[in-house]
Amino acid sequence: MLWVTRDYVHVDRVACPWLIKRFVDKKAQFIFLPKEEITEFVEKTGAIPFDTGTGIELDHFERDGVKYCTFDSIIEKYNLTEDPALAKLRKIVRSGDTEREPSEKLAYGLEAVASGAPLLCESDHDALELEFPFYDILYAYLQREVILERYKKEIAELKTRGERRNFIKEKMKEL
């Protein structure tokens, strides 16, 4: 499927393509355009717009006085709410994208990567390619955190780092 968003990617416009590619549409293709060109492009191609800043379905929204980002919209629309590691990542992305001073500590890392990566790239596509591994690593770390919480007793009984790592890797397959 073809997806379209604004050009000059940053936190949410990197997190969303990562989320789409990993959980919604593995064959997704992304187009980055100036905001004012997106509507016409969607009409011509049938592309799915996201994070356009125009209030479409897959965009920022506010509910009960809380600001949400497009990452939230995609998680809700595509029923990705049961994954506990993704729920943790959701809070981090939202904090990094909607708060001037992020309340989630790991959001500062997202901001650093989102600000630095494009400076090393020639295009938004290059920035995604550079940043996706960071999101994969962060997601694995958050899966690990969920497993450490759930299996605290079992992990404490394992004697070596290798045993603990193998246990965590096996449990990651079950999440």
C-alpha atoms as a PDB file:
ATOM      1  CA  MET A   1       0.000   0.000   0.000  1.00  0.00           C
ATOM      2  CA  LEU A   2       1.064   3.571  -0.564  1.00  0.00           C
ATOM      3  CA  TRP A   3       1.197   5.902   2.454  1.00  0.00           C
ATOM      4  CA  VAL A   4       1.804   9.655   2.389  1.00  0.00           C
ATOM      5  CA  THR A   5       2.831  12.186   5.012  1.00  0.00           C
ATOM      6  CA  ARG A   6       4.552  15.546   5.286  1.00  0.00           C
ATOM      7  CA  ASP A   7       8.175  15.867   4.347  1.00  0.00           C
ATOM      8  CA  TYR A   8      11.054  16.614   6.723  1.00  0.00           C
ATOM      9  CA  VAL A   9      10.427  13.689   9.070  1.00  0.00           C
ATOM     10  CA  HIS A  10      10.796  14.020  12.810  1.00  0.00           C
ATOM     11  CA  VAL A  11       9.744  11.909  15.833  1.00  0.00           C
ATOM     12  CA  ASP A  12       6.149  10.998  14.893  1.00  0.00           C
ATOM     13  CA  ARG A  13       6.822  10.839  11.138  1.00  0.00           C
ATOM     14  CA  VAL A  14       9.591   8.298  11.777  1.00  0.00           C
ATOM     15  CA  ALA A  15       7.785   6.325  14.492  1.00  0.00           C
ATOM     16  CA  CYS A  16       4.639   5.983  12.361  1.00  0.00           C
ATOM     17  CA  PRO A  17       6.334   4.509   9.275  1.00  0.00           C
ATOM     18  CA  TRP A  18       8.223   2.125  11.580  1.00  0.00           C
ATOM     19  CA  LEU A  19       4.930   1.081  13.221  1.00  0.00           C
ATOM     20  CA  ILE A  20       3.178   0.709   9.862  1.00  0.00           C
ATOM     21  CA  LYS A  21       6.003  -1.343   8.349  1.00  0.00           C
ATOM     22  CA  ARG A  22       6.416  -3.614  11.384  1.00  0.00           C
ATOM     23  CA  PHE A  23       2.765  -4.160  12.408  1.00  0.00           C
ATOM     24  CA  VAL A  24       0.288  -2.933   9.767  1.00  0.00           C
ATOM     25  CA  ASP A  25       1.652  -3.178   6.224  1.00  0.00           C
ATOM     26  CA  LYS A  26       4.994  -4.937   5.747  1.00  0.00           C
ATOM     27  CA  LYS A  27       5.104  -3.860   2.085  1.00  0.00           C
ATOM     28  CA  ALA A  28       4.261  -0.218   2.800  1.00  0.00           C
ATOM     29  CA  GLN A  29       5.763   2.424   0.558  1.00  0.00           C
ATOM     30  CA  PHE A  30       6.089   5.963   1.884  1.00  0.00           C
ATOM     31  CA  ILE A  31       5.851   9.266   0.061  1.00  0.00           C
ATOM     32  CA  PHE A  32       6.895  12.533   1.705  1.00  0.00           C
ATOM     33  CA  LEU A  33       5.371  15.739   0.364  1.00  0.00           C
ATOM     34  CA  PRO A  34       4.810  19.333   1.370  1.00  0.00           C
ATOM     35  CA  LYS A  35       1.585  19.571   3.385  1.00  0.00           C
ATOM     36  CA  GLU A  36      -0.249  21.489   0.658  1.00  0.00           C
ATOM     37  CA  GLU A  37       0.348  18.731  -1.945  1.00  0.00           C
ATOM     38  CA  ILE A  38      -0.954  15.793   0.092  1.00  0.00           C
ATOM     39  CA  THR A  39      -4.709  16.096  -0.553  1.00  0.00           C
ATOM     40  CA  GLU A  40      -4.290  16.156  -4.331  1.00  0.00           C
ATOM     41  CA  PHE A  41      -1.828  13.250  -4.174  1.00  0.00           C
ATOM     42  CA  VAL A  42      -4.293  11.177  -2.118  1.00  0.00           C
ATOM     43  CA  GLU A  43      -7.106  11.933  -4.588  1.00  0.00           C
ATOM     44  CA  LYS A  44      -4.940  10.857  -7.546  1.00  0.00           C
ATOM     45  CA  THR A  45      -3.348   7.753  -6.019  1.00  0.00           C
ATOM     46  CA  GLY A  46      -5.579   6.517  -3.203  1.00  0.00           C
ATOM     47  CA  ALA A  47      -2.610   6.664  -0.826  1.00  0.00           C
ATOM     48  CA  ILE A  48      -3.332   6.535   2.893  1.00  0.00           C
ATOM     49  CA  PRO A  49      -2.492   9.897   4.482  1.00  0.00           C
ATOM     50  CA  PHE A  50      -1.073  10.125   7.996  1.00  0.00           C
ATOM     51  CA  ASP A  51       0.346  12.857  10.215  1.00  0.00           C
ATOM     52  CA  THR A  52      -0.584  15.588   7.754  1.00  0.00           C
ATOM     53  CA  GLY A  53      -1.423  18.195  10.370  1.00  0.00           C
ATOM     54  CA  THR A  54      -4.879  18.611   8.832  1.00  0.00           C
ATOM     55  CA  GLY A  55      -7.024  16.679  11.313  1.00  0.00           C
ATOM     56  CA  ILE A  56      -7.519  13.555   9.198  1.00  0.00           C
ATOM     57  CA  GLU A  57      -8.221  10.169  10.807  1.00  0.00           C
ATOM     58  CA  LEU A  58      -4.547   9.228  11.236  1.00  0.00           C
ATOM     59  CA  ASP A  59      -3.328  12.462  12.771  1.00  0.00           C
ATOM     60  CA  HIS A  60      -2.839  14.166  16.117  1.00  0.00           C
ATOM     61  CA  PHE A  61      -5.941  14.445  18.291  1.00  0.00           C
ATOM     62  CA  GLU A  62      -7.001  15.489  21.757  1.00  0.00           C
ATOM     63  CA  ARG A  63      -9.150  13.478  24.153  1.00  0.00           C
ATOM     64  CA  ASP A  64     -10.100  14.434  27.705  1.00  0.00           C
ATOM     65  CA  GLY A  65      -7.555  17.248  27.648  1.00  0.00           C
ATOM     66  CA  VAL A  66      -4.683  14.938  26.648  1.00  0.00           C
ATOM     67  CA  LYS A  67      -2.782  15.512  23.394  1.00  0.00           C
ATOM     68  CA  TYR A  68      -2.155  12.398  21.329  1.00  0.00           C
ATOM     69  CA  CYS A  69       0.052  11.945  18.281  1.00  0.00           C
ATOM     70  CA  THR A  70      -0.417  10.029  15.042  1.00  0.00           C
ATOM     71  CA  PHE A  71       1.387   6.998  16.491  1.00  0.00           C
ATOM     72  CA  ASP A  72      -1.565   6.760  18.921  1.00  0.00           C
ATOM     73  CA  SER A  73      -4.069   7.055  16.059  1.00  0.00           C
ATOM     74  CA  ILE A  74      -2.468   4.197  14.150  1.00  0.00           C
ATOM     75  CA  ILE A  75      -2.286   1.956  17.221  1.00  0.00           C
ATOM     76  CA  GLU A  76      -5.983   2.525  17.895  1.00  0.00           C
ATOM     77  CA  LYS A  77      -7.186   2.195  14.284  1.00  0.00           C
ATOM     78  CA  TYR A  78      -5.283  -1.026  13.675  1.00  0.00           C
ATOM     79  CA  ASN A  79      -6.043  -2.583  17.089  1.00  0.00           C
ATOM     80  CA  LEU A  80      -2.454  -2.791  18.291  1.00  0.00           C
ATOM     81  CA  THR A  81      -3.431  -2.009  21.875  1.00  0.00           C
ATOM     82  CA  GLU A  82      -2.744  -5.465  23.360  1.00  0.00           C
ATOM     83  CA  ASP A  83       1.048  -5.390  22.963  1.00  0.00           C
ATOM     84  CA  PRO A  84       2.504  -4.215  26.306  1.00  0.00           C
ATOM     85  CA  ALA A  85       5.877  -3.201  24.838  1.00  0.00           C
ATOM     86  CA  LEU A  86       4.126  -1.213  22.123  1.00  0.00           C
ATOM     87  CA  ALA A  87       2.031   0.466  24.836  1.00  0.00           C
ATOM     88  CA  LYS A  88       5.250   1.598  26.514  1.00  0.00           C
ATOM     89  CA  LEU A  89       6.677   2.806  23.199  1.00  0.00           C
ATOM     90  CA  ARG A  90       3.432   4.648  22.520  1.00  0.00           C
ATOM     91  CA  LYS A  91       3.870   6.721  25.678  1.00  0.00           C
ATOM     92  CA  ILE A  92       7.480   7.496  24.781  1.00  0.00           C
ATOM     93  CA  VAL A  93       6.648   8.586  21.222  1.00  0.00           C
ATOM     94  CA  ARG A  94       3.715  10.697  22.418  1.00  0.00           C
ATOM     95  CA  SER A  95       5.883  12.372  25.037  1.00  0.00           C
ATOM     96  CA  GLY A  96       8.653  13.061  22.537  1.00  0.00           C
ATOM     97  CA  ASP A  97       6.283  14.399  19.915  1.00  0.00           C
ATOM     98  CA  THR A  98       3.723  16.402  21.883  1.00  0.00           C
ATOM     99  CA  GLU A  99       5.559  17.710  24.955  1.00  0.00           C
ATOM    100  CA  ARG A 100       8.061  20.554  24.919  1.00  0.00           C
ATOM    101  CA  GLU A 101       9.794  18.946  27.925  1.00  0.00           C
ATOM    102  CA  PRO A 102       9.166  15.190  27.580  1.00  0.00           C
ATOM    103  CA  SER A 103       7.880  13.437  30.693  1.00  0.00           C
ATOM    104  CA  GLU A 104       9.238  10.095  29.442  1.00  0.00           C
ATOM    105  CA  LYS A 105      13.018   9.896  29.811  1.00  0.00           C
ATOM    106  CA  LEU A 106      13.506   7.741  26.728  1.00  0.00           C
ATOM    107  CA  ALA A 107      11.717  10.373  24.639  1.00  0.00           C
ATOM    108  CA  TYR A 108      14.878  12.470  24.785  1.00  0.00           C
ATOM    109  CA  GLY A 109      16.636   9.712  22.854  1.00  0.00           C
ATOM    110  CA  LEU A 110      13.944   9.780  20.173  1.00  0.00           C
ATOM    111  CA  GLU A 111      14.351  13.537  19.875  1.00  0.00           C
ATOM    112  CA  ALA A 112      18.134  13.217  19.601  1.00  0.00           C
ATOM    113  CA  VAL A 113      17.902  10.566  16.884  1.00  0.00           C
ATOM    114  CA  ALA A 114      15.125  12.409  15.022  1.00  0.00           C
ATOM    115  CA  SER A 115      17.130  15.637  15.065  1.00  0.00           C
ATOM    116  CA  GLY A 116      20.513  14.147  14.215  1.00  0.00           C
ATOM    117  CA  ALA A 117      19.696  11.481  11.628  1.00  0.00           C
ATOM    118  CA  PRO A 118      18.304  13.823   8.937  1.00  0.00           C
ATOM    119  CA  LEU A 119      21.531  15.818   9.110  1.00  0.00           C
ATOM    120  CA  LEU A 120      23.360  12.704   7.899  1.00  0.00           C
ATOM    121  CA  CYS A 121      20.881  11.947   5.117  1.00  0.00           C
ATOM    122  CA  GLU A 122      19.930  13.161   1.669  1.00  0.00           C
ATOM    123  CA  SER A 123      16.228  12.291   1.909  1.00  0.00           C
ATOM    124  CA  ASP A 124      13.400  11.398   4.262  1.00  0.00           C
ATOM    125  CA  HIS A 125      13.658   7.796   3.016  1.00  0.00           C
ATOM    126  CA  ASP A 126      17.321   7.739   4.019  1.00  0.00           C
ATOM    127  CA  ALA A 127      16.388   9.073   7.462  1.00  0.00           C
ATOM    128  CA  LEU A 128      13.863   6.254   7.940  1.00  0.00           C
ATOM    129  CA  GLU A 129      16.440   3.681   6.913  1.00  0.00           C
ATOM    130  CA  LEU A 130      18.900   5.094   9.417  1.00  0.00           C
ATOM    131  CA  GLU A 131      16.365   5.438  12.264  1.00  0.00           C
ATOM    132  CA  PHE A 132      14.337   2.202  11.963  1.00  0.00           C
ATOM    133  CA  PRO A 133      17.051   0.086  13.656  1.00  0.00           C
ATOM    134  CA  PHE A 134      16.911   2.458  16.627  1.00  0.00           C
ATOM    135  CA  TYR A 135      13.158   1.807  16.954  1.00  0.00           C
ATOM    136  CA  ASP A 136      13.735  -1.944  16.597  1.00  0.00           C
ATOM    137  CA  ILE A 137      16.288  -1.793  19.415  1.00  0.00           C
ATOM    138  CA  LEU A 138      14.045   0.343  21.626  1.00  0.00           C
ATOM    139  CA  TYR A 139      11.095  -1.990  21.017  1.00  0.00           C
ATOM    140  CA  ALA A 140      13.246  -5.029  21.944  1.00  0.00           C
ATOM    141  CA  TYR A 141      14.395  -3.218  25.088  1.00  0.00           C
ATOM    142  CA  LEU A 142      10.763  -2.510  26.040  1.00  0.00           C
ATOM    143  CA  GLN A 143       9.824  -6.143  25.391  1.00  0.00           C
ATOM    144  CA  ARG A 144      12.670  -7.085  27.720  1.00  0.00           C
ATOM    145  CA  GLU A 145      11.291  -4.724  30.370  1.00  0.00           C
ATOM    146  CA  VAL A 146       7.855  -6.364  30.136  1.00  0.00           C
ATOM    147  CA  ILE A 147       9.411  -9.827  30.477  1.00  0.00           C
ATOM    148  CA  LEU A 148      11.554  -8.763  33.446  1.00  0.00           C
ATOM    149  CA  GLU A 149       8.373  -7.530  35.165  1.00  0.00           C
ATOM    150  CA  ARG A 150       6.350 -10.667  34.371  1.00  0.00           C
ATOM    151  CA  TYR A 151       9.007 -13.286  35.083  1.00  0.00           C
ATOM    152  CA  LYS A 152      10.996 -11.676  37.862  1.00  0.00           C
ATOM    153  CA  LYS A 153      11.093 -14.831  39.986  1.00  0.00           C
ATOM    154  CA  GLU A 154      12.042 -17.177  37.128  1.00  0.00           C
ATOM    155  CA  ILE A 155      14.775 -14.846  35.882  1.00  0.00           C
ATOM    156  CA  ALA A 156      16.228 -14.469  39.387  1.00  0.00           C
ATOM    157  CA  GLU A 157      16.786 -18.235  39.486  1.00  0.00           C
ATOM    158  CA  LEU A 158      18.875 -18.247  36.302  1.00  0.00           C
ATOM    159  CA  LYS A 159      22.590 -18.207  37.052  1.00  0.00           C
ATOM    160  CA  THR A 160      24.271 -16.666  34.017  1.00  0.00           C
ATOM    161  CA  ARG A 161      23.706 -13.688  31.770  1.00  0.00           C
ATOM    162  CA  GLY A 162      23.495 -16.090  28.824  1.00  0.00           C
ATOM    163  CA  GLU A 163      20.705 -18.088  30.484  1.00  0.00           C
ATOM    164  CA  ARG A 164      18.818 -14.885  31.295  1.00  0.00           C
ATOM    165  CA  ARG A 165      19.241 -13.553  27.760  1.00  0.00           C
ATOM    166  CA  ASN A 166      18.084 -16.826  26.191  1.00  0.00           C
ATOM    167  CA  PHE A 167      15.078 -16.934  28.524  1.00  0.00           C
ATOM    168  CA  ILE A 168      14.140 -13.367  27.579  1.00  0.00           C
ATOM    169  CA  LYS A 169      14.564 -14.083  23.855  1.00  0.00           C
ATOM    170  CA  GLU A 170      12.236 -17.088  24.115  1.00  0.00           C
ATOM    171  CA  LYS A 171       9.618 -15.079  25.986  1.00  0.00           C
ATOM    172  CA  MET A 172       9.848 -12.265  23.405  1.00  0.00           C
ATOM    173  CA  LYS A 173       8.446 -14.710  20.841  1.00  0.00           C
ATOM    174  CA  GLU A 174       5.351 -15.118  23.031  1.00  0.00           C
ATOM    175  CA  LEU A 175       4.564 -11.429  23.446  1.00  0.00           C
END
